[in-house]
Amino acid sequence: MLVPDRKAVRELLTRYASLRIAQAERHVPTAARELEDVSYTLCVMMGTSDITDAIAKADTLLLTKERSEKADADGENGLTLVG
């Protein structure tokens, strides 16, 4: 299974949030179209058809990766002696 690039996912989530805020303050057709595009792209990257599911999966991906990287930085590489 392909895993989306964490940086790209984070950028899409940030853009999505910014556009949602902008649309809540004032509806602008070009921003609405961009929000649709970002939502669609996020759904495709996360393998969902619903933006709520895509955001949840993206959050989980980012949290899981960050925990893994923290463990690696702490000297744990995820390998066990049991095998």
Protein backbone atom coordinates (compact mmCIF):
# COMPACT_ATOMS: atom_id res chain seq x y z
CA MET A 1 0.00 0.00 0.00
CA LEU A 2 1.30 3.43 -0.89
CA VAL A 3 1.57 5.92 1.95
CA PRO A 4 1.07 9.59 1.06
CA ASP A 5 3.93 12.01 1.63
CA ARG A 6 3.51 13.45 5.12
CA LYS A 7 4.60 16.93 4.04
CA ALA A 8 2.08 16.99 1.19
CA VAL A 9 -0.70 15.81 3.52
CA ARG A 10 0.18 18.47 6.09
CA GLU A 11 0.17 21.18 3.40
CA LEU A 12 -3.23 20.05 2.12
CA LEU A 13 -4.70 20.02 5.63
CA THR A 14 -3.36 23.52 6.23
CA ARG A 15 -4.73 24.78 2.92
CA TYR A 16 -8.08 23.11 3.59
CA ALA A 17 -8.36 24.77 7.02
CA SER A 18 -7.40 28.19 5.61
CA LEU A 19 -9.97 27.94 2.84
CA ARG A 20 -12.71 26.82 5.23
CA ILE A 21 -12.00 29.83 7.45
CA ALA A 22 -11.97 32.17 4.46
CA GLN A 23 -15.27 30.78 3.21
CA ALA A 24 -16.85 31.12 6.64
CA GLU A 25 -15.88 34.78 6.75
CA ARG A 26 -16.92 35.62 3.23
CA HIS A 27 -18.04 33.40 0.36
CA VAL A 28 -15.80 33.84 -2.67
CA PRO A 29 -16.46 31.65 -5.73
CA THR A 30 -12.77 31.16 -6.57
CA ALA A 31 -11.97 30.12 -3.01
CA ALA A 32 -14.98 27.79 -3.03
CA ARG A 33 -13.65 26.09 -6.16
CA GLU A 34 -10.18 25.79 -4.63
CA LEU A 35 -11.72 24.30 -1.49
CA GLU A 36 -13.45 21.69 -3.65
CA ASP A 37 -10.16 20.90 -5.38
CA VAL A 38 -8.23 20.60 -2.11
CA SER A 39 -11.00 18.45 -0.60
CA TYR A 40 -10.98 16.15 -3.62
CA THR A 41 -7.19 15.84 -3.60
CA LEU A 42 -7.14 15.08 0.12
CA CYS A 43 -9.81 12.42 -0.34
CA VAL A 44 -7.85 10.79 -3.18
CA MET A 45 -4.58 10.86 -1.22
CA MET A 46 -6.22 9.27 1.81
CA GLY A 47 -8.30 6.75 -0.17
CA THR A 48 -11.72 8.02 0.92
CA SER A 49 -14.73 9.62 -0.70
CA ASP A 50 -15.68 11.78 2.29
CA ILE A 51 -13.67 14.79 3.46
CA THR A 52 -14.38 14.06 7.13
CA ASP A 53 -12.92 10.57 6.72
CA ALA A 54 -9.97 11.97 4.77
CA ILE A 55 -9.16 14.47 7.53
CA ALA A 56 -9.37 11.75 10.18
CA LYS A 57 -7.08 9.46 8.20
CA ALA A 58 -4.66 12.30 7.51
CA ASP A 59 -4.53 13.19 11.21
CA THR A 60 -3.88 9.55 12.09
CA LEU A 61 -1.14 9.30 9.46
CA LEU A 62 0.59 12.41 10.76
CA LEU A 63 0.32 11.34 14.41
CA THR A 64 1.55 7.82 13.67
CA LYS A 65 4.52 9.07 11.68
CA GLU A 66 5.43 11.64 14.31
CA ARG A 67 5.35 9.03 17.08
CA SER A 68 7.49 6.72 14.95
CA GLU A 69 10.03 9.45 14.25
CA LYS A 70 10.14 10.39 17.92
CA ALA A 71 10.80 6.78 18.85
CA ASP A 72 13.61 6.63 16.28
CA ALA A 73 15.11 9.82 17.70
CA ASP A 74 14.94 8.29 21.18
CA GLY A 75 16.94 5.31 19.96
CA GLU A 76 14.05 2.96 19.33
CA ASN A 77 13.76 1.72 15.79
CA GLY A 78 10.56 -0.28 16.13
CA LEU A 79 12.40 -3.61 16.00
CA THR A 80 11.84 -6.16 18.70
CA LEU A 81 13.97 -9.02 19.95
CA VAL A 82 11.02 -11.37 19.82
CA GLY A 83 10.75 -13.00 16.52
